[in-house]
Protein backbone atom coordinates (compact mmCIF):
# COMPACT_ATOMS: atom_id res chain seq x y z
CA MET A 1 75.38 207.63 71.54
CA LEU A 2 73.36 204.53 70.72
CA ALA A 3 73.08 202.15 73.67
CA LYS A 4 74.88 198.88 73.07
CA SER A 5 71.72 196.95 73.91
CA VAL A 6 69.77 198.57 71.07
CA LYS A 7 70.18 196.95 67.68
CA PRO A 8 70.49 199.48 64.87
CA ILE A 9 67.89 199.48 62.10
CA LYS A 10 69.69 198.35 58.94
CA ILE A 11 68.58 200.28 55.87
CA MET A 12 69.24 199.82 52.16
CA LEU A 13 68.55 202.48 49.51
CA ALA A 14 67.33 201.57 46.01
CA ASP A 15 67.19 204.47 43.56
CA ASP A 16 68.80 205.01 40.18
CA HIS A 17 69.80 208.59 41.05
CA ALA A 18 73.05 208.79 43.02
CA LEU A 19 72.23 212.26 44.36
CA MET A 20 68.96 211.00 45.82
CA ARG A 21 70.73 208.09 47.50
CA GLU A 22 73.35 210.41 48.98
CA GLY A 23 70.70 212.83 50.21
CA LEU A 24 68.78 210.03 51.88
CA ARG A 25 71.95 208.66 53.41
CA THR A 26 72.67 212.05 54.99
CA ILE A 27 69.16 212.30 56.44
CA LEU A 28 69.13 208.76 57.79
CA GLN A 29 72.59 208.79 59.29
CA SER A 30 71.52 211.69 61.51
CA GLN A 31 69.69 209.06 63.59
CA ASP A 32 71.81 207.17 66.11
CA ASP A 33 69.87 203.94 65.65
CA PHE A 34 69.87 203.97 61.83
CA ILE A 35 72.64 202.47 59.73
CA VAL A 36 72.67 202.58 55.93
CA ILE A 37 74.31 199.29 54.97
CA GLY A 38 74.21 199.58 51.18
CA ASP A 39 72.45 200.83 48.09
CA ALA A 40 71.27 199.70 44.67
CA SER A 41 70.56 201.50 41.40
CA ASN A 42 67.90 199.10 40.06
CA GLY A 43 65.53 196.37 41.15
CA THR A 44 67.73 193.44 40.19
CA GLU A 45 70.64 194.79 42.18
CA ALA A 46 68.36 195.39 45.17
CA ILE A 47 67.21 191.76 45.15
CA ASP A 48 70.78 190.47 44.89
CA LYS A 49 71.96 192.64 47.78
CA CYS A 50 69.12 191.56 50.05
CA GLY A 51 70.62 188.09 50.23
CA ILE A 52 74.00 189.54 51.16
CA LEU A 53 73.20 192.53 53.38
CA HIS A 54 69.93 191.41 55.03
CA PRO A 55 68.47 194.89 55.61
CA ASN A 56 65.54 195.52 57.93
CA VAL A 57 64.12 198.25 55.68
CA ILE A 58 64.52 199.21 52.02
CA ILE A 59 63.71 202.72 50.80
CA MET A 60 62.90 202.08 47.14
CA ASP A 61 62.04 204.14 44.08
CA ILE A 62 59.41 202.84 41.65
CA SER A 63 60.87 204.00 38.33
CA MET A 64 64.24 202.32 37.90
CA PRO A 65 65.88 200.87 34.78
CA GLY A 66 65.84 197.16 34.06
CA MET A 67 63.55 196.02 36.84
CA ASN A 68 61.27 198.61 38.41
CA GLY A 69 60.60 198.92 42.12
CA ILE A 70 57.19 197.26 42.12
CA GLU A 71 58.52 194.10 40.45
CA ALA A 72 61.50 194.08 42.82
CA CYS A 73 59.22 194.55 45.84
CA GLN A 74 57.09 191.57 44.85
CA ARG A 75 60.15 189.33 44.57
CA ILE A 76 61.80 190.58 47.74
CA CYS A 77 58.64 190.16 49.79
CA SER A 78 58.24 186.59 48.55
CA GLN A 79 61.88 185.67 49.27
CA PHE A 80 62.63 187.72 52.40
CA LYS A 81 59.60 187.82 54.67
CA ASP A 82 61.13 190.10 57.33
CA ILE A 83 62.25 192.95 55.07
CA LYS A 84 60.07 196.06 55.14
CA ILE A 85 59.83 198.11 51.94
CA ILE A 86 58.91 201.79 51.77
CA PHE A 87 58.40 203.34 48.35
CA LEU A 88 59.77 206.82 47.77
CA SER A 89 58.35 208.01 44.47
CA MET A 90 57.48 211.02 42.34
CA HIS A 91 54.28 209.24 41.23
CA ASN A 92 51.20 210.44 43.09
CA THR A 93 48.20 208.65 41.58
CA LYS A 94 45.83 206.11 43.08
CA GLU A 95 46.98 203.37 40.70
CA TYR A 96 50.62 203.70 41.73
CA VAL A 97 49.84 203.80 45.45
CA TYR A 98 47.55 200.75 45.28
CA ARG A 99 49.92 198.80 43.06
CA ALA A 100 52.80 199.53 45.43
CA ILE A 101 50.95 198.30 48.49
CA GLN A 102 49.61 195.27 46.64
CA SER A 103 53.20 194.37 45.81
CA GLY A 104 53.93 194.03 49.53
CA ALA A 105 55.25 197.45 50.55
CA CYS A 106 54.59 198.84 54.02
CA GLY A 107 54.74 202.51 53.12
CA TYR A 108 54.58 205.13 50.39
CA LEU A 109 56.23 208.56 50.42
CA LEU A 110 56.47 211.29 47.81
CA LYS A 111 59.94 212.54 46.94
CA GLU A 112 58.74 216.12 47.20
CA SER A 113 58.02 215.73 50.92
CA VAL A 114 60.67 213.31 52.08
CA GLY A 115 62.43 215.24 54.89
CA SER A 116 61.54 213.95 58.33
CA ASP A 117 58.77 211.79 56.82
CA VAL A 118 61.25 209.09 55.87
CA ILE A 119 62.48 208.83 59.46
CA GLU A 120 58.94 208.57 60.80
CA ALA A 121 58.07 206.03 58.10
CA ILE A 122 60.96 203.75 59.02
CA ARG A 123 60.10 203.83 62.71
CA SER A 124 56.44 203.15 61.92
CA VAL A 125 57.00 200.12 59.68
CA MET A 126 59.46 198.67 62.18
CA ARG A 127 56.58 198.75 64.69
CA GLY A 128 54.44 196.78 62.26
CA LEU A 129 52.45 199.76 60.96
CA VAL A 130 51.72 200.97 57.44
CA PHE A 131 52.85 204.53 56.69
CA PHE A 132 51.62 206.97 54.03
CA GLY A 133 53.37 210.30 53.61
CA LYS A 134 51.97 213.76 53.03
CA GLY A 135 49.95 214.01 49.82
CA VAL A 136 49.25 210.28 49.60
CA GLU A 137 46.31 210.27 52.03
CA GLN A 138 44.00 211.67 49.34
CA HIS A 139 44.02 208.25 47.65
CA LEU A 140 43.02 206.34 50.78
CA SER A 141 39.30 206.38 51.43
CA PHE A 142 39.16 203.20 53.51
CA PRO A 143 41.11 202.26 56.62
CA THR A 144 42.52 198.78 56.21
CA LEU A 145 45.13 197.36 53.87
CA GLY A 146 42.98 194.29 53.30
CA ASN A 147 40.45 196.37 51.38
CA PHE A 148 42.92 197.66 48.79
CA THR A 149 41.95 195.14 46.14
CA ALA A 150 38.22 195.25 46.83
CA HIS A 151 37.50 198.93 46.21
CA HIS A 152 38.06 201.68 43.64
CA LYS A 153 38.41 199.40 40.64
CA SER A 154 40.07 201.08 37.68
CA PRO A 155 40.75 199.83 34.15
CA LEU A 156 44.42 200.48 34.87
CA GLU A 157 44.40 197.84 37.60
CA SER A 158 44.47 195.16 34.88
CA LEU A 159 47.95 196.34 33.85
CA SER A 160 51.17 194.75 35.03
CA ALA A 161 53.79 196.83 36.81
CA ARG A 162 55.85 197.06 33.63
CA GLU A 163 52.83 198.01 31.50
CA LEU A 164 51.97 200.74 33.98
CA GLU A 165 55.52 202.04 33.84
CA VAL A 166 55.54 202.08 30.03
CA LEU A 167 52.19 203.89 30.06
CA GLN A 168 53.61 206.54 32.39
CA LEU A 169 56.50 207.16 30.02
CA VAL A 170 54.18 207.31 27.00
CA VAL A 171 52.12 209.96 28.80
CA GLU A 172 55.33 211.88 29.43
CA GLY A 173 55.77 212.06 25.66
CA LYS A 174 58.75 209.74 25.34
CA THR A 175 59.32 207.82 22.12
CA SER A 176 59.70 204.05 21.96
CA ILE A 177 63.45 204.50 21.57
CA GLU A 178 63.64 206.74 24.64
CA ILE A 179 61.51 204.37 26.70
CA ALA A 180 63.58 201.39 25.58
CA SER A 181 66.75 203.19 26.65
CA GLU A 182 65.34 204.17 30.05
CA LEU A 183 63.97 200.70 30.85
CA LEU A 184 66.89 198.80 29.29
CA LEU A 185 64.57 196.99 26.89
CA SER A 186 64.54 196.65 23.12
CA HIS A 187 62.67 199.04 20.84
CA LYS A 188 60.59 196.07 19.65
CA SER A 189 59.61 195.19 23.21
CA ILE A 190 58.35 198.71 23.83
CA ASP A 191 56.29 198.64 20.63
CA THR A 192 54.77 195.37 21.86
CA TYR A 193 53.94 196.96 25.21
CA ARG A 194 52.29 199.92 23.45
CA SER A 195 50.12 197.59 21.35
CA ARG A 196 49.21 195.51 24.40
CA LEU A 197 48.25 198.63 26.35
CA MET A 198 45.94 199.80 23.57
CA THR A 199 44.31 196.35 23.36
CA LYS A 200 43.79 196.07 27.12
CA LEU A 201 42.41 199.58 27.48
CA GLY A 202 40.27 199.47 24.34
CA VAL A 203 41.82 202.37 22.40
CA ASN A 204 43.08 202.51 18.82
CA ASN A 205 46.00 204.93 18.81
CA ILE A 206 48.60 206.57 21.02
CA ALA A 207 46.70 209.86 21.31
CA SER A 208 43.65 208.02 22.64
CA LEU A 209 45.89 205.98 24.95
CA VAL A 210 47.36 209.15 26.46
CA LYS A 211 43.92 210.73 26.86
CA PHE A 212 42.61 207.56 28.55
CA ALA A 213 45.58 207.54 30.95
CA LEU A 214 45.13 211.21 31.84
CA LEU A 215 41.44 210.66 32.58
CA HIS A 216 42.39 207.87 34.99
CA GLY A 217 45.03 209.74 36.95
CA ILE A 218 48.28 209.01 35.11
CA THR A 219 49.84 212.45 34.70
CA PRO A 220 53.14 213.69 33.21
CA GLU A 221 55.89 214.08 35.80
CA ALA A 222 58.45 216.84 35.76
């Protein structure tokens, strides 16, 4: 039993898949000093609940409808200085890892290796450390967080979080209508994002855009 003198670590889950949230809840509630105080299915809801629930740690997905995790992380970190955010994502490319940490997150885990990693990650960030799960280390060739923006420059680093997310979905072969539905945006907005991506990355068509993305580490996800 948790000693009365020990304050529990308050955790919020932010993922658009209910089964993932329930699985995480089961894992986390096995720890006497962890308490899952709430969950959210998108970035906007996560921000709103921070002001109500005041979690110590948020376990957050990157790809969520409406507002993605990276945008939500940036806003939460600017509004709530004491909240620690750990990304739990299927995306395993350098661009995603760097973008996540630049947004203010303290950790990055892959969904395929969550298990006990998520428990260790929470304990680490609560001690003021940065935690990277199995499979993420391959993207980290320098030791300090302060160097993240000074090394390994990529053309994709000029993209916003939303542009990067749209690019990922384009690479996965989704149409503008499908992307619009997933991100809760209009078809016209997605077409604008596609055009902007091609302009920024210096390509002339979608096939070249996909090839460019693949060459720079953006791969289709199952």
